[in-house]
Protein backbone atom coordinates (compact mmCIF):
# COMPACT_ATOMS: atom_id res chain seq x y z
CA MET A 1 51.43 23.14 37.41
CA ARG A 2 50.75 19.92 38.98
CA ALA A 3 48.51 17.13 37.35
CA ALA A 4 47.50 13.78 37.10
CA VAL A 5 49.11 12.05 33.82
CA LEU A 6 47.78 8.75 32.15
CA THR A 7 51.57 7.92 30.94
CA ARG A 8 49.96 4.11 29.59
CA PHE A 9 46.91 2.08 29.21
CA GLY A 10 46.79 -0.01 32.58
CA ALA A 11 49.39 2.04 34.30
CA PRO A 12 48.24 4.10 37.67
CA LEU A 13 47.77 8.08 37.18
CA ALA A 14 51.49 9.72 37.65
CA VAL A 15 51.03 12.92 39.74
CA ARG A 16 53.63 15.45 38.14
CA GLU A 17 54.65 18.81 37.12
CA VAL A 18 53.64 19.86 33.63
CA PRO A 19 53.91 23.05 31.99
CA ASP A 20 50.99 25.80 32.61
CA PRO A 21 48.63 25.71 29.45
CA GLU A 22 48.35 28.86 27.52
CA ALA A 23 45.54 30.27 26.61
CA GLY A 24 45.04 31.73 22.40
CA SER A 25 42.30 33.29 20.94
CA GLY A 26 39.00 31.40 21.51
CA GLU A 27 40.06 30.15 24.71
CA VAL A 28 40.19 30.27 28.43
CA VAL A 29 42.30 29.31 31.31
CA VAL A 30 40.61 28.38 34.35
CA GLU A 31 41.87 26.99 37.80
CA VAL A 32 39.97 23.92 38.16
CA LEU A 33 38.49 23.41 41.63
CA ALA A 34 36.12 20.17 41.16
CA ALA A 35 36.26 17.45 38.09
CA GLY A 36 33.74 14.91 38.38
CA VAL A 37 35.47 11.22 38.06
CA ALA A 38 33.43 8.69 36.74
CA PRO A 39 32.16 5.03 37.92
CA TYR A 40 33.87 3.94 35.03
CA ALA A 41 36.98 5.68 34.81
CA ALA A 42 39.14 2.73 35.93
CA GLU A 43 37.80 1.07 32.76
CA VAL A 44 38.81 3.62 30.54
CA PHE A 45 42.32 4.04 32.34
CA SER A 46 42.75 0.31 31.95
CA GLY A 47 42.11 0.35 28.32
CA LYS A 48 38.77 -1.97 28.80
CA ARG A 49 36.80 0.50 27.38
CA LYS A 50 39.09 1.17 24.35
CA TYR A 51 38.68 5.08 24.14
CA PRO A 52 40.85 6.84 21.92
CA LEU A 53 43.07 8.49 24.37
CA VAL A 54 46.86 8.93 23.18
CA PRO A 55 48.77 8.76 26.49
CA PRO A 56 50.88 10.53 27.66
CA VAL A 57 47.68 12.89 28.44
CA VAL A 58 46.02 14.58 31.35
CA PRO A 59 42.64 13.02 31.83
CA GLY A 60 39.28 14.19 33.21
CA VAL A 61 36.07 15.29 31.59
CA GLY A 62 34.15 18.56 32.32
CA ALA A 63 34.67 21.03 35.97
CA VAL A 64 34.01 23.71 37.64
CA GLY A 65 36.70 25.70 37.40
CA ARG A 66 37.60 29.57 38.21
CA ILE A 67 39.04 31.56 35.21
CA VAL A 68 42.09 33.01 35.27
CA HIS A 69 42.95 34.14 32.03
CA VAL A 70 40.46 34.93 29.34
CA GLY A 71 40.98 35.12 25.36
CA PRO A 72 40.55 38.93 23.48
CA ASP A 73 37.43 37.63 22.12
CA ALA A 74 35.63 37.39 24.95
CA THR A 75 33.41 40.18 26.29
CA ARG A 76 30.89 38.95 28.87
CA LEU A 77 33.82 36.23 30.90
CA ARG A 78 35.88 38.21 33.99
CA VAL A 79 39.03 36.95 35.57
CA GLY A 80 37.39 35.33 39.07
CA ASP A 81 34.31 34.06 37.31
CA VAL A 82 33.19 30.85 38.46
CA VAL A 83 32.11 28.48 35.52
CA TRP A 84 31.73 25.29 34.30
CA CYS A 85 33.70 23.83 31.99
CA ASP A 86 31.81 21.61 29.39
CA SER A 87 34.48 18.93 28.00
CA THR A 88 32.49 18.43 24.53
CA VAL A 89 34.54 20.31 22.05
CA ARG A 90 33.20 20.64 18.64
CA SER A 91 35.16 22.11 15.56
CA ARG A 92 34.72 25.32 14.13
CA ASP A 93 34.96 24.58 10.06
CA ASP A 94 31.47 22.19 9.91
CA ALA A 95 28.38 24.00 11.21
CA LEU A 96 26.40 21.29 10.00
CA THR A 97 28.56 18.08 11.45
CA PRO A 98 30.99 19.27 13.29
CA ASP A 99 33.88 16.80 14.49
CA ILE A 100 33.54 15.92 18.46
CA THR A 101 36.42 15.43 21.04
CA LEU A 102 35.53 14.74 24.81
CA GLN A 103 38.23 17.03 25.99
CA GLY A 104 40.57 14.89 28.33
CA TRP A 105 38.47 11.38 27.87
CA SER A 106 37.35 10.43 24.07
CA SER A 107 36.65 11.58 20.62
CA ARG A 108 34.22 10.27 17.52
CA GLY A 109 36.20 9.67 14.06
CA GLU A 110 39.18 10.63 12.54
CA GLY A 111 38.03 14.77 12.70
CA GLY A 112 37.29 13.94 16.37
CA ALA A 113 41.15 12.14 16.65
CA ARG A 114 42.55 15.71 15.16
CA LEU A 115 40.98 17.66 17.13
CA ALA A 116 41.73 15.87 20.29
CA GLU A 117 45.63 16.24 19.27
CA TYR A 118 45.08 20.14 19.98
CA MET A 119 42.48 20.01 23.30
CA HIS A 120 44.29 17.38 24.37
CA ASP A 121 44.36 17.39 28.33
CA GLY A 122 41.44 17.41 30.69
CA ALA A 123 40.65 18.21 34.04
CA PHE A 124 42.73 16.26 36.65
CA ALA A 125 45.37 19.11 36.76
CA GLU A 126 45.49 22.67 38.67
CA LEU A 127 44.74 24.21 35.46
CA MET A 128 42.92 23.81 32.52
CA ARG A 129 42.41 25.35 28.85
CA VAL A 130 38.97 25.30 27.79
CA PRO A 131 37.61 26.95 24.59
CA THR A 132 35.53 30.23 25.52
CA GLU A 133 32.02 28.74 24.12
CA ASN A 134 32.95 26.13 26.52
CA VAL A 135 32.45 27.74 29.30
CA PHE A 136 29.05 28.75 31.00
CA PRO A 137 28.22 31.01 34.90
CA LEU A 138 27.44 29.06 37.69
CA PRO A 139 25.59 30.58 40.27
CA ALA A 140 27.45 31.43 43.50
CA ALA A 141 26.33 28.26 45.19
CA ALA A 142 28.44 26.55 42.97
CA GLY A 143 31.75 28.29 44.00
CA GLU A 144 30.70 27.35 47.89
CA ASP A 145 30.47 23.53 47.25
CA PRO A 146 32.04 22.76 43.93
CA ALA A 147 32.67 19.29 44.44
CA ARG A 148 29.18 18.68 44.67
CA TRP A 149 28.69 21.08 41.12
CA ALA A 150 30.84 18.69 39.29
CA ALA A 151 27.89 16.18 39.38
CA LEU A 152 26.93 18.75 35.99
CA THR A 153 28.99 16.20 34.42
CA VAL A 154 26.30 13.31 34.78
CA HIS A 155 23.43 15.67 34.50
CA THR A 156 24.18 17.30 31.44
CA ILE A 157 24.06 14.19 29.78
CA SER A 158 20.87 12.56 30.81
CA TYR A 159 19.29 16.13 30.73
CA GLY A 160 20.96 16.08 26.97
CA GLY A 161 18.99 12.85 25.92
CA LEU A 162 16.06 13.97 27.83
CA LEU A 163 15.67 17.13 25.38
CA ALA A 164 16.74 14.77 22.54
CA GLY A 165 13.36 12.59 23.20
CA GLY A 166 11.54 16.32 23.38
CA LEU A 167 10.07 15.07 26.84
CA ALA A 168 6.75 16.88 27.95
CA ALA A 169 5.39 17.75 30.88
CA GLY A 170 2.86 14.80 32.09
CA GLU A 171 4.51 12.17 29.83
CA THR A 172 5.85 8.73 31.22
CA LEU A 173 9.15 8.06 30.82
CA LEU A 174 10.70 4.75 30.90
CA VAL A 175 14.88 4.76 31.74
CA SER A 176 16.42 1.66 31.18
CA GLY A 177 19.60 1.36 33.33
CA ALA A 178 17.63 3.61 36.05
CA THR A 179 19.22 2.13 38.81
CA GLY A 180 23.04 3.11 37.56
CA ASN A 181 25.11 6.69 37.76
CA LEU A 182 23.26 7.86 34.66
CA GLY A 183 19.98 6.36 34.60
CA SER A 184 19.41 7.67 38.01
CA SER A 185 20.21 11.08 36.90
CA ALA A 186 17.48 10.48 34.21
CA VAL A 187 15.42 9.83 36.60
CA ALA A 188 15.26 12.87 38.64
CA LEU A 189 15.57 14.81 35.72
CA ALA A 190 12.27 13.54 34.36
CA LEU A 191 10.38 14.47 37.47
CA ALA A 192 12.09 18.15 37.91
CA MET A 193 10.75 18.66 34.40
CA GLY A 194 7.32 17.63 34.88
CA ALA A 195 7.29 13.77 33.97
CA GLY A 196 4.12 12.47 35.08
CA ARG A 197 5.26 8.95 35.87
CA VAL A 198 9.15 7.20 35.75
CA VAL A 199 9.09 3.51 34.85
CA ALA A 200 12.52 2.73 36.58
CA PRO A 201 13.60 -0.98 35.97
CA GLY A 202 16.69 -2.71 37.28
CA ARG A 203 18.16 -5.79 39.13
CA ASN A 204 19.76 -4.03 42.12
CA LYS A 205 16.67 -4.13 44.41
CA ALA A 206 18.34 -1.73 46.80
CA ALA A 207 18.90 1.05 44.22
CA LEU A 208 15.41 0.40 43.13
CA GLY A 209 14.60 0.82 46.77
CA LEU A 210 16.44 4.17 47.16
CA LEU A 211 14.81 5.61 43.90
CA ALA A 212 11.32 4.87 45.17
CA ASP A 213 11.90 6.38 48.73
CA ARG A 214 12.70 9.67 47.00
CA PHE A 215 10.66 10.13 44.73
CA GLY A 216 7.14 8.48 45.58
CA PRO A 217 4.67 7.22 43.68
CA ARG A 218 5.97 8.99 40.48
CA LEU A 219 8.00 6.79 40.28
CA ARG A 220 7.38 3.23 39.59
CA PRO A 221 9.82 0.52 40.11
CA VAL A 222 10.42 -3.21 38.20
CA PRO A 223 12.70 -5.33 39.29
CA LEU A 224 14.07 -7.40 36.45
CA THR A 225 14.46 -11.21 35.62
CA GLY A 226 16.61 -11.38 32.75
CA ASP A 227 13.50 -12.55 30.47
CA GLU A 228 12.77 -10.27 27.65
CA ALA A 229 9.38 -11.37 27.55
CA THR A 230 8.57 -11.09 31.20
CA ASP A 231 10.31 -8.19 31.78
CA ARG A 232 8.45 -6.09 28.88
CA ALA A 233 5.28 -7.38 30.25
CA ALA A 234 5.99 -6.01 33.76
CA MET A 235 7.83 -2.69 32.71
CA SER A 236 4.22 -1.88 30.25
CA ALA A 237 2.35 -2.38 33.79
CA ALA A 238 3.99 -0.79 35.86
CA ALA A 239 3.37 2.40 33.71
CA ASP A 240 -0.68 2.13 33.98
CA GLY A 241 -1.14 3.51 30.72
CA PRO A 242 1.23 4.65 27.49
CA ILE A 243 4.82 5.07 27.92
CA ASP A 244 5.66 8.11 25.77
CA MET A 245 9.25 7.42 25.81
CA VAL A 246 12.21 5.09 26.58
CA ILE A 247 15.63 6.55 27.06
CA ASP A 248 18.46 3.66 27.14
CA LEU A 249 21.73 4.14 29.26
CA LEU A 250 22.67 1.01 30.38
CA PRO A 251 26.32 0.20 30.21
CA PRO A 252 28.67 -1.85 27.80
CA SER A 253 28.19 -4.61 30.09
CA ALA A 254 24.36 -4.65 29.52
CA PRO A 255 22.81 -7.30 27.33
CA SER A 256 20.85 -5.81 23.83
CA SER A 257 18.25 -7.74 24.66
CA ALA A 258 17.28 -5.69 27.86
CA SER A 259 17.50 -2.40 25.68
CA ARG A 260 15.03 -4.36 23.45
CA ALA A 261 12.84 -5.37 26.50
CA ALA A 262 12.74 -1.57 27.26
CA ALA A 263 12.54 0.17 23.84
CA MET A 264 9.90 -2.19 22.87
CA THR A 265 7.29 -0.81 25.85
CA VAL A 266 6.69 2.65 24.08
CA ARG A 267 3.48 3.24 23.24
CA GLU A 268 2.91 4.00 19.07
CA TYR A 269 4.10 7.60 17.94
CA GLY A 270 6.77 7.15 20.72
CA ARG A 271 10.45 8.01 20.99
CA VAL A 272 13.18 6.04 21.91
CA VAL A 273 16.45 7.60 22.63
CA LEU A 274 19.89 5.71 23.05
CA MET A 275 22.61 7.25 25.16
CA GLY A 276 23.93 3.87 27.00
CA GLY A 277 26.89 1.89 25.81
CA VAL A 278 25.50 -1.52 24.72
CA GLY A 279 27.33 -3.19 21.89
CA MET A 280 30.54 -1.16 22.23
CA LEU A 281 32.45 -3.69 23.62
CA GLY A 282 31.11 -6.63 21.37
CA GLY A 283 27.62 -8.41 21.47
CA ASP A 284 24.63 -8.79 19.66
CA ASP A 285 23.42 -5.98 17.91
CA LEU A 286 19.98 -4.38 19.11
CA ALA A 287 17.90 -5.83 16.40
CA LEU A 288 14.64 -3.59 16.65
CA PRO A 289 12.33 -5.27 14.52
CA TYR A 290 11.33 -3.21 11.46
CA PRO A 291 7.68 -3.87 11.24
CA TRP A 292 7.23 -2.89 14.39
CA ILE A 293 9.03 0.16 14.27
CA MET A 294 6.83 0.75 10.84
CA ARG A 295 3.78 0.28 11.84
CA ASN A 296 3.88 1.90 15.15
CA SER A 297 5.22 4.70 13.83
CA ILE A 298 8.31 4.53 16.51
CA THR A 299 11.18 7.42 16.65
CA VAL A 300 14.68 5.83 17.30
CA ARG A 301 17.58 8.14 17.58
CA GLY A 302 21.12 7.83 18.83
CA GLN A 303 22.18 10.85 20.99
CA TRP A 304 26.24 11.41 21.80
CA MET A 305 26.40 13.93 25.14
CA TYR A 306 24.46 17.00 24.15
CA PRO A 307 23.63 20.05 22.12
CA ARG A 308 25.84 23.30 24.06
CA THR A 309 22.62 25.11 24.93
CA ALA A 310 21.71 22.25 27.89
CA ASN A 311 24.88 23.65 30.00
CA VAL A 312 22.69 26.53 30.06
CA GLY A 313 19.20 24.65 30.69
CA ILE A 314 20.68 22.31 33.45
CA ILE A 315 22.30 24.97 34.88
CA ARG A 316 19.30 27.24 35.37
CA LEU A 317 17.27 23.59 36.80
CA LEU A 318 19.89 23.47 39.33
CA ALA A 319 20.10 26.98 40.32
CA SER A 320 16.58 27.06 40.93
CA GLY A 321 16.12 24.25 42.85
CA ALA A 322 14.15 22.39 40.56
CA LEU A 323 16.90 19.74 40.52
CA ASP A 324 18.28 19.48 44.22
CA LEU A 325 22.12 18.31 44.71
CA ALA A 326 21.85 18.31 48.21
CA PRO A 327 20.26 14.64 48.62
CA GLU A 328 23.52 13.49 46.83
CA ARG A 329 26.58 11.39 48.61
CA VAL A 330 29.60 13.18 47.11
CA ARG A 331 33.42 12.26 48.68
CA SER A 332 36.56 14.40 47.50
CA PHE A 333 39.71 13.30 47.01
CA ASP A 334 42.76 15.89 46.38
CA LEU A 335 45.30 15.71 43.15
CA ASP A 336 47.63 13.30 45.23
CA ALA A 337 45.12 10.85 45.97
CA VAL A 338 43.48 10.67 42.34
CA ASN A 339 44.26 6.73 41.99
CA ASP A 340 42.34 6.48 45.05
CA ALA A 341 39.44 8.13 44.13
CA ILE A 342 39.35 6.38 40.75
CA THR A 343 38.86 3.04 42.68
CA TYR A 344 36.83 4.75 45.13
CA ALA A 345 34.06 6.28 42.56
CA ALA A 346 34.59 2.14 40.65
CA ALA A 347 32.58 1.09 43.95
CA HIS A 348 30.49 3.42 44.52
CA GLY A 349 28.51 3.89 41.05
CA GLY A 350 25.05 3.83 42.29
CA PRO A 351 22.34 6.27 42.33
CA PHE A 352 23.49 9.88 43.11
CA ASP A 353 26.87 8.51 44.61
CA ARG A 354 29.62 11.50 43.30
CA THR A 355 33.21 11.01 43.38
CA SER A 356 35.04 14.32 42.77
CA LEU A 357 38.46 14.96 42.27
CA THR A 358 39.73 18.69 43.53
CA PRO A 359 43.11 19.61 41.91
CA SER A 360 43.43 23.06 43.59
CA ALA A 361 42.77 21.96 46.88
CA GLY A 362 45.96 20.81 47.60
């Protein structure tokens, strides 16, 4: 098969022939119809983000695929099924705290790195081997437009964060990082899940305007100034009432002061979910005040990725039309143009901009 290979950090991906993957028990092989290209992919492949990928590796996180081989222990999946391939692979020998690797992308700790040695290659290839439990059937619409459905890579992450915070219908949510690729997904999902209003802070006024035009009065945009106290007051005022939950999806380039200003708008007994990259490349710690957390009974939790059940939930939301993919701007590239796709994605990382690689199209 043909695949795009990261031979070393800082080098363009090389499209070349590699051996076809072989599935063992508990595994599925899929033909990759479409894989999302993250806006920050160039930072990963350059080494800037310091992800623990070990070249040579076929990168790519998550894919829409068509099953070509099913292992002997699968009871419902069939050859020919169009499926979503979740990249979040968990070890099978510790139910309480499984090691995790993001297939073809990243991993957590020593155990995750060991798992990544086996589930090494990702979705930038004509074929991909995936654990059976990471494969989820998709509706017919996904087979008709797989490049658009590859946005599951983004939406499943933000959905996992909203589940982690227990977002309930009618509540007010603040999305820190709302004008970004992940943050705008969280805005759309929260409103699809019945949030009463969503506060969307950001510095990009054009992106804030796009969100306001798309979602109407339930969306409360807040232009940020960079002054922590000023911004906190503006976010609180925009909510026009208590903020029940804050989800932080800011990138590594954002200062911790921006995360702190957003987090501290939450009401007494409120929840804060941290999912972004703040501090991953250095900088100040978040430094939330202990007395504020304790006396206001604030719940602060981190969330890396999502539970397996989130895949089922987000697919149902999309299939029902509650979350509409139609307005998203999708640009597709074939496998030979993978480096062009990476460059394009970096320049088009705003709200509802999607870049897809379609390896089997060529």
